[in-house]
N, C-alpha and C. Protein backbone atom coordinates (compact mmCIF):
# COMPACT_ATOMS: atom_id res chain seq x y z
N MET A 1 106.71 78.31 153.74
CA MET A 1 106.59 79.69 154.24
C MET A 1 107.57 79.84 155.40
N SER A 2 108.27 80.94 155.42
CA SER A 2 109.24 81.15 156.49
C SER A 2 108.53 81.44 157.81
N LYS A 3 109.20 81.12 158.88
CA LYS A 3 108.63 81.33 160.20
C LYS A 3 108.45 82.81 160.50
N THR A 4 109.35 83.64 159.99
CA THR A 4 109.23 85.08 160.20
C THR A 4 107.98 85.62 159.54
N LEU A 5 107.72 85.18 158.32
CA LEU A 5 106.53 85.63 157.61
C LEU A 5 105.27 85.15 158.32
N ARG A 6 105.28 83.90 158.76
CA ARG A 6 104.12 83.36 159.49
C ARG A 6 103.87 84.15 160.78
N ARG A 7 104.94 84.48 161.50
CA ARG A 7 104.81 85.25 162.74
C ARG A 7 104.21 86.61 162.46
N LEU A 8 104.65 87.26 161.40
CA LEU A 8 104.12 88.57 161.05
C LEU A 8 102.66 88.49 160.62
N GLU A 9 102.30 87.42 159.90
CA GLU A 9 100.90 87.24 159.51
C GLU A 9 100.01 87.06 160.74
N LEU A 10 100.49 86.30 161.73
CA LEU A 10 99.72 86.11 162.95
C LEU A 10 99.58 87.41 163.73
N LYS A 11 100.66 88.20 163.77
CA LYS A 11 100.58 89.49 164.46
C LYS A 11 99.60 90.43 163.76
N LEU A 12 99.57 90.41 162.44
CA LEU A 12 98.62 91.22 161.69
C LEU A 12 97.19 90.78 161.97
N LEU A 13 96.97 89.48 161.99
CA LEU A 13 95.64 88.95 162.29
C LEU A 13 95.21 89.36 163.70
N ARG A 14 96.13 89.29 164.66
CA ARG A 14 95.82 89.70 166.03
C ARG A 14 95.45 91.18 166.07
N TRP A 15 96.22 92.00 165.38
CA TRP A 15 95.95 93.44 165.34
C TRP A 15 94.56 93.71 164.77
N LYS A 16 94.23 93.01 163.69
CA LYS A 16 92.92 93.19 163.07
C LYS A 16 91.79 92.79 164.02
N LEU A 17 91.99 91.75 164.79
CA LEU A 17 90.97 91.33 165.76
C LEU A 17 90.83 92.37 166.88
N VAL A 18 91.95 92.84 167.40
CA VAL A 18 91.92 93.79 168.52
C VAL A 18 91.27 95.10 168.12
N TYR A 19 91.56 95.59 166.93
CA TYR A 19 91.07 96.90 166.52
C TYR A 19 89.82 96.86 165.65
N GLY A 20 89.17 95.71 165.62
CA GLY A 20 87.87 95.61 164.98
C GLY A 20 87.88 95.58 163.47
N ARG A 21 88.99 95.26 162.87
CA ARG A 21 89.06 95.17 161.41
C ARG A 21 88.44 93.88 160.90
N ILE A 22 88.33 92.89 161.81
CA ILE A 22 87.69 91.63 161.49
C ILE A 22 86.50 91.49 162.43
N GLU A 23 85.35 91.18 161.88
CA GLU A 23 84.17 91.01 162.71
C GLU A 23 84.21 89.64 163.36
N VAL A 24 84.07 89.63 164.69
CA VAL A 24 84.15 88.38 165.43
C VAL A 24 83.18 88.44 166.61
N ASP A 25 82.67 87.28 166.98
CA ASP A 25 81.77 87.18 168.13
C ASP A 25 82.56 87.54 169.40
N PRO A 26 82.07 88.46 170.21
CA PRO A 26 82.79 88.88 171.41
C PRO A 26 83.08 87.73 172.39
N GLU A 27 82.26 86.68 172.34
CA GLU A 27 82.49 85.56 173.25
C GLU A 27 83.72 84.74 172.87
N VAL A 28 84.07 84.72 171.60
CA VAL A 28 85.23 83.92 171.18
C VAL A 28 86.50 84.75 171.02
N LEU A 29 86.39 86.06 171.11
CA LEU A 29 87.56 86.92 170.93
C LEU A 29 88.68 86.61 171.92
N PRO A 30 88.40 86.49 173.22
CA PRO A 30 89.50 86.18 174.15
C PRO A 30 90.21 84.86 173.82
N ALA A 31 89.47 83.84 173.45
CA ALA A 31 90.08 82.56 173.10
C ALA A 31 90.93 82.69 171.83
N ALA A 32 90.44 83.45 170.86
CA ALA A 32 91.18 83.65 169.61
C ALA A 32 92.49 84.38 169.89
N LEU A 33 92.43 85.41 170.73
CA LEU A 33 93.64 86.17 171.06
C LEU A 33 94.63 85.31 171.84
N ASP A 34 94.13 84.49 172.76
CA ASP A 34 95.02 83.59 173.51
C ASP A 34 95.71 82.62 172.57
N TRP A 35 94.96 82.06 171.62
CA TRP A 35 95.55 81.11 170.68
C TRP A 35 96.62 81.81 169.84
N LEU A 36 96.29 83.00 169.33
CA LEU A 36 97.26 83.73 168.52
C LEU A 36 98.51 84.07 169.32
N ASP A 37 98.33 84.50 170.56
CA ASP A 37 99.49 84.83 171.41
C ASP A 37 100.37 83.60 171.61
N GLY A 38 99.75 82.44 171.80
CA GLY A 38 100.52 81.22 171.98
C GLY A 38 101.29 80.83 170.72
N GLU A 39 100.65 80.97 169.58
CA GLU A 39 101.33 80.65 168.32
C GLU A 39 102.49 81.61 168.06
N ILE A 40 102.27 82.89 168.31
CA ILE A 40 103.33 83.89 168.11
C ILE A 40 104.49 83.61 169.06
N ALA A 41 104.18 83.32 170.32
CA ALA A 41 105.22 83.05 171.31
C ALA A 41 106.03 81.81 170.93
N SER A 42 105.37 80.78 170.45
CA SER A 42 106.11 79.56 170.08
C SER A 42 107.03 79.83 168.89
N LEU A 43 106.58 80.62 167.94
CA LEU A 43 107.44 80.95 166.80
C LEU A 43 108.62 81.82 167.25
N GLU A 44 108.38 82.73 168.18
CA GLU A 44 109.47 83.58 168.66
C GLU A 44 110.47 82.76 169.48
N ASN A 45 109.99 81.78 170.25
CA ASN A 45 110.88 80.91 171.01
C ASN A 45 111.74 80.08 170.08
N GLU A 46 111.15 79.57 169.00
CA GLU A 46 111.93 78.80 168.02
C GLU A 46 113.00 79.68 167.39
N LYS A 47 112.65 80.93 167.13
CA LYS A 47 113.62 81.86 166.53
C LYS A 47 114.78 82.10 167.49
N GLN A 48 114.49 82.26 168.78
CA GLN A 48 115.53 82.49 169.77
C GLN A 48 116.43 81.28 169.90
N LEU A 49 115.86 80.08 169.85
CA LEU A 49 116.66 78.88 169.96
C LEU A 49 117.62 78.72 168.78
N LEU A 50 117.18 79.16 167.61
CA LEU A 50 118.03 79.05 166.42
C LEU A 50 119.17 80.05 166.44
N THR A 51 119.01 81.19 167.11
CA THR A 51 120.04 82.22 167.10
C THR A 51 121.06 82.03 168.22
N VAL A 52 120.79 81.13 169.16
CA VAL A 52 121.72 80.91 170.29
C VAL A 52 122.83 80.00 169.88
């Protein structure tokens, strides 16, 4: 799977969590969003390193 596709899938999952499209326990939502943000950021950093 390409990194771009994976990044977009993670962004979609994050959007679904934020806007209530996926039912999730409110206690774990912040941790889930933090994890997703970290994964997205790492993929974006890898993309930037490849284009330099």
